[in-house]
Amino acid sequence: MIELYVDGASAGNPGKSGIGIFLKGEGHSLKISEPIEPTNNHTAEFLALLRGMEEASKLTSGIVSARSDSKIVVSAVENQFVKNELHKDYLARILKIAETFDYFFIKWIPDSENRAADELARQAIQR
């Protein structure tokens, strides 16, 4: 099983933004800290999950357990619905990748349990 922790961060609305991805399991440990185009926090969160799932799909087609501290992202994936037009494309791409795994789960976690991804996202903003 791959455990995927993701976080997005923005310094403004919109503002400098970054994503953080921490992936572990099945002999893998991967940390990604990437600046992204200036955006808002919600969009950064969707982009972090999308990017993380792309990386997970390179490593397994088995079980992926994603964790995010964004209630909006987790709810969107669980319900397969989001109101924001911009986020609809990201959600569709996320769900398409999710279908390639034998099992895909997503769970909301508090900030305190997502420190690794949060730190990576914040580092990305500093670049």
C-alpha atoms as a PDB file:
ATOM      1  CA  MET A   1       0.000   0.000   0.000  1.00  0.00           C
ATOM      2  CA  ILE A   2       1.142   3.514  -0.835  1.00  0.00           C
ATOM      3  CA  GLU A   3       0.370   6.238   1.686  1.00  0.00           C
ATOM      4  CA  LEU A   4       0.108   9.622   0.005  1.00  0.00           C
ATOM      5  CA  TYR A   5       0.140  12.832   2.050  1.00  0.00           C
ATOM      6  CA  VAL A   6      -0.543  16.058   0.135  1.00  0.00           C
ATOM      7  CA  ASP A   7      -0.805  19.750   0.938  1.00  0.00           C
ATOM      8  CA  GLY A   8      -1.080  22.994  -0.972  1.00  0.00           C
ATOM      9  CA  ALA A   9      -0.151  26.430   0.285  1.00  0.00           C
ATOM     10  CA  SER A  10      -0.650  29.984  -0.924  1.00  0.00           C
ATOM     11  CA  ALA A  11       0.728  33.243   0.392  1.00  0.00           C
ATOM     12  CA  GLY A  12      -2.200  35.360  -0.724  1.00  0.00           C
ATOM     13  CA  ASN A  13      -5.448  34.929  -2.582  1.00  0.00           C
ATOM     14  CA  PRO A  14      -4.090  34.532  -5.180  1.00  0.00           C
ATOM     15  CA  GLY A  15      -0.440  34.582  -4.281  1.00  0.00           C
ATOM     16  CA  LYS A  16       2.815  32.654  -4.424  1.00  0.00           C
ATOM     17  CA  SER A  17       1.863  29.009  -4.161  1.00  0.00           C
ATOM     18  CA  GLY A  18       3.387  25.607  -3.739  1.00  0.00           C
ATOM     19  CA  ILE A  19       2.550  21.961  -3.297  1.00  0.00           C
ATOM     20  CA  GLY A  20       3.978  19.364  -0.956  1.00  0.00           C
ATOM     21  CA  ILE A  21       3.795  15.623  -1.463  1.00  0.00           C
ATOM     22  CA  PHE A  22       5.042  12.896   0.861  1.00  0.00           C
ATOM     23  CA  LEU A  23       4.624   9.381  -0.439  1.00  0.00           C
ATOM     24  CA  LYS A  24       5.697   6.209   1.363  1.00  0.00           C
ATOM     25  CA  GLY A  25       5.163   2.490   1.202  1.00  0.00           C
ATOM     26  CA  GLU A  26       6.059  -0.567  -0.852  1.00  0.00           C
ATOM     27  CA  GLY A  27       9.740   0.289  -0.461  1.00  0.00           C
ATOM     28  CA  HIS A  28       9.290   3.868  -1.625  1.00  0.00           C
ATOM     29  CA  SER A  29       9.794   7.168   0.129  1.00  0.00           C
ATOM     30  CA  LEU A  30       9.373  10.294  -1.945  1.00  0.00           C
ATOM     31  CA  LYS A  31       9.213  13.959  -0.998  1.00  0.00           C
ATOM     32  CA  ILE A  32       8.213  16.600  -3.540  1.00  0.00           C
ATOM     33  CA  SER A  33       8.222  20.344  -2.957  1.00  0.00           C
ATOM     34  CA  GLU A  34       7.217  22.323  -6.050  1.00  0.00           C
ATOM     35  CA  PRO A  35       6.310  25.943  -6.657  1.00  0.00           C
ATOM     36  CA  ILE A  36       3.204  26.356  -8.800  1.00  0.00           C
ATOM     37  CA  GLU A  37       1.633  29.320 -10.559  1.00  0.00           C
ATOM     38  CA  PRO A  38       0.164  31.911  -8.177  1.00  0.00           C
ATOM     39  CA  THR A  39      -3.282  30.747  -7.088  1.00  0.00           C
ATOM     40  CA  ASN A  40      -5.474  30.378  -4.009  1.00  0.00           C
ATOM     41  CA  ASN A  41      -5.160  27.752  -1.311  1.00  0.00           C
ATOM     42  CA  HIS A  42      -8.066  25.567  -2.491  1.00  0.00           C
ATOM     43  CA  THR A  43      -6.674  25.284  -6.006  1.00  0.00           C
ATOM     44  CA  ALA A  44      -3.218  24.506  -4.612  1.00  0.00           C
ATOM     45  CA  GLU A  45      -4.760  21.690  -2.555  1.00  0.00           C
ATOM     46  CA  PHE A  46      -6.387  20.145  -5.649  1.00  0.00           C
ATOM     47  CA  LEU A  47      -3.136  20.450  -7.605  1.00  0.00           C
ATOM     48  CA  ALA A  48      -1.188  18.796  -4.791  1.00  0.00           C
ATOM     49  CA  LEU A  49      -3.515  15.779  -4.808  1.00  0.00           C
ATOM     50  CA  LEU A  50      -3.440  15.544  -8.590  1.00  0.00           C
ATOM     51  CA  ARG A  51       0.364  15.676  -8.695  1.00  0.00           C
ATOM     52  CA  GLY A  52       0.654  13.197  -5.836  1.00  0.00           C
ATOM     53  CA  MET A  53      -1.649  10.733  -7.548  1.00  0.00           C
ATOM     54  CA  GLU A  54       0.349  11.032 -10.746  1.00  0.00           C
ATOM     55  CA  GLU A  55       3.459  10.067  -8.782  1.00  0.00           C
ATOM     56  CA  ALA A  56       1.682   7.209  -6.972  1.00  0.00           C
ATOM     57  CA  SER A  57       0.459   5.819 -10.309  1.00  0.00           C
ATOM     58  CA  LYS A  58       4.085   5.504 -11.443  1.00  0.00           C
ATOM     59  CA  LEU A  59       4.797   3.264  -8.445  1.00  0.00           C
ATOM     60  CA  THR A  60       1.736   1.046  -8.065  1.00  0.00           C
ATOM     61  CA  SER A  61      -1.588  -0.003  -9.469  1.00  0.00           C
ATOM     62  CA  GLY A  62      -2.509  -1.524  -6.114  1.00  0.00           C
ATOM     63  CA  ILE A  63      -3.764   0.255  -3.012  1.00  0.00           C
ATOM     64  CA  VAL A  64      -3.337   4.001  -2.512  1.00  0.00           C
ATOM     65  CA  SER A  65      -4.437   5.738   0.665  1.00  0.00           C
ATOM     66  CA  ALA A  66      -4.394   9.517   0.226  1.00  0.00           C
ATOM     67  CA  ARG A  67      -4.527  11.936   3.153  1.00  0.00           C
ATOM     68  CA  SER A  68      -5.206  15.665   3.008  1.00  0.00           C
ATOM     69  CA  ASP A  69      -5.990  18.378   5.525  1.00  0.00           C
ATOM     70  CA  SER A  70      -8.322  20.027   2.984  1.00  0.00           C
ATOM     71  CA  LYS A  71     -11.947  19.205   3.768  1.00  0.00           C
ATOM     72  CA  ILE A  72     -12.984  20.661   0.406  1.00  0.00           C
ATOM     73  CA  VAL A  73     -10.699  18.350  -1.569  1.00  0.00           C
ATOM     74  CA  VAL A  74     -11.581  15.249   0.456  1.00  0.00           C
ATOM     75  CA  SER A  75     -15.304  15.979   0.185  1.00  0.00           C
ATOM     76  CA  ALA A  76     -15.036  16.631  -3.568  1.00  0.00           C
ATOM     77  CA  VAL A  77     -13.303  13.293  -4.155  1.00  0.00           C
ATOM     78  CA  GLU A  78     -15.618  11.328  -1.857  1.00  0.00           C
ATOM     79  CA  ASN A  79     -18.743  12.848  -3.442  1.00  0.00           C
ATOM     80  CA  GLN A  80     -17.249  13.036  -6.937  1.00  0.00           C
ATOM     81  CA  PHE A  81     -18.579  16.585  -7.158  1.00  0.00           C
ATOM     82  CA  VAL A  82     -17.322  20.140  -6.782  1.00  0.00           C
ATOM     83  CA  LYS A  83     -19.128  23.425  -7.514  1.00  0.00           C
ATOM     84  CA  ASN A  84     -16.160  25.532  -8.603  1.00  0.00           C
ATOM     85  CA  GLU A  85     -15.754  25.334 -12.393  1.00  0.00           C
ATOM     86  CA  LEU A  86     -11.962  25.535 -12.204  1.00  0.00           C
ATOM     87  CA  HIS A  87     -11.812  22.614  -9.799  1.00  0.00           C
ATOM     88  CA  LYS A  88     -14.096  20.403 -11.923  1.00  0.00           C
ATOM     89  CA  ASP A  89     -11.289  19.634 -14.379  1.00  0.00           C
ATOM     90  CA  TYR A  90      -8.856  18.842 -11.566  1.00  0.00           C
ATOM     91  CA  LEU A  91     -11.425  16.581  -9.896  1.00  0.00           C
ATOM     92  CA  ALA A  92     -12.129  14.747 -13.163  1.00  0.00           C
ATOM     93  CA  ARG A  93      -8.409  14.105 -13.641  1.00  0.00           C
ATOM     94  CA  ILE A  94      -8.042  12.939 -10.023  1.00  0.00           C
ATOM     95  CA  LEU A  95     -10.972  10.525 -10.354  1.00  0.00           C
ATOM     96  CA  LYS A  96      -9.620   9.158 -13.641  1.00  0.00           C
ATOM     97  CA  ILE A  97      -6.290   8.320 -11.995  1.00  0.00           C
ATOM     98  CA  ALA A  98      -8.101   6.850  -8.963  1.00  0.00           C
ATOM     99  CA  GLU A  99      -9.816   4.357 -11.279  1.00  0.00           C
ATOM    100  CA  THR A 100      -6.421   2.918 -12.272  1.00  0.00           C
ATOM    101  CA  PHE A 101      -5.736   1.687  -8.730  1.00  0.00           C
ATOM    102  CA  ASP A 102      -7.117  -1.582  -7.362  1.00  0.00           C
ATOM    103  CA  TYR A 103      -8.285   0.400  -4.330  1.00  0.00           C
ATOM    104  CA  PHE A 104      -8.164   4.119  -3.681  1.00  0.00           C
ATOM    105  CA  PHE A 105      -9.060   5.777  -0.396  1.00  0.00           C
ATOM    106  CA  ILE A 106      -8.924   9.388   0.689  1.00  0.00           C
ATOM    107  CA  LYS A 107      -9.150  10.596   4.244  1.00  0.00           C
ATOM    108  CA  TRP A 108      -9.210  13.999   5.887  1.00  0.00           C
ATOM    109  CA  ILE A 109      -6.536  14.425   8.544  1.00  0.00           C
ATOM    110  CA  PRO A 110      -5.836  17.371  10.860  1.00  0.00           C
ATOM    111  CA  ASP A 111      -2.918  19.691  10.135  1.00  0.00           C
ATOM    112  CA  SER A 112      -0.967  18.097  12.975  1.00  0.00           C
ATOM    113  CA  GLU A 113      -0.891  14.765  11.090  1.00  0.00           C
ATOM    114  CA  ASN A 114       0.096  16.358   7.779  1.00  0.00           C
ATOM    115  CA  ARG A 115       3.260  18.173   8.845  1.00  0.00           C
ATOM    116  CA  ALA A 116       5.583  16.564   6.288  1.00  0.00           C
ATOM    117  CA  ALA A 117       3.472  17.614   3.279  1.00  0.00           C
ATOM    118  CA  ASP A 118       2.742  21.014   4.839  1.00  0.00           C
ATOM    119  CA  GLU A 119       6.445  21.730   5.331  1.00  0.00           C
ATOM    120  CA  LEU A 120       7.181  20.749   1.728  1.00  0.00           C
ATOM    121  CA  ALA A 121       4.413  23.023   0.422  1.00  0.00           C
ATOM    122  CA  ARG A 122       5.669  25.948   2.500  1.00  0.00           C
ATOM    123  CA  GLN A 123       9.233  25.375   1.287  1.00  0.00           C
ATOM    124  CA  ALA A 124       7.968  25.555  -2.287  1.00  0.00           C
ATOM    125  CA  ILE A 125       6.538  29.041  -1.680  1.00  0.00           C
ATOM    126  CA  GLN A 126       9.969  30.277  -0.573  1.00  0.00           C
ATOM    127  CA  ARG A 127      11.549  29.444  -3.938  1.00  0.00           C
END
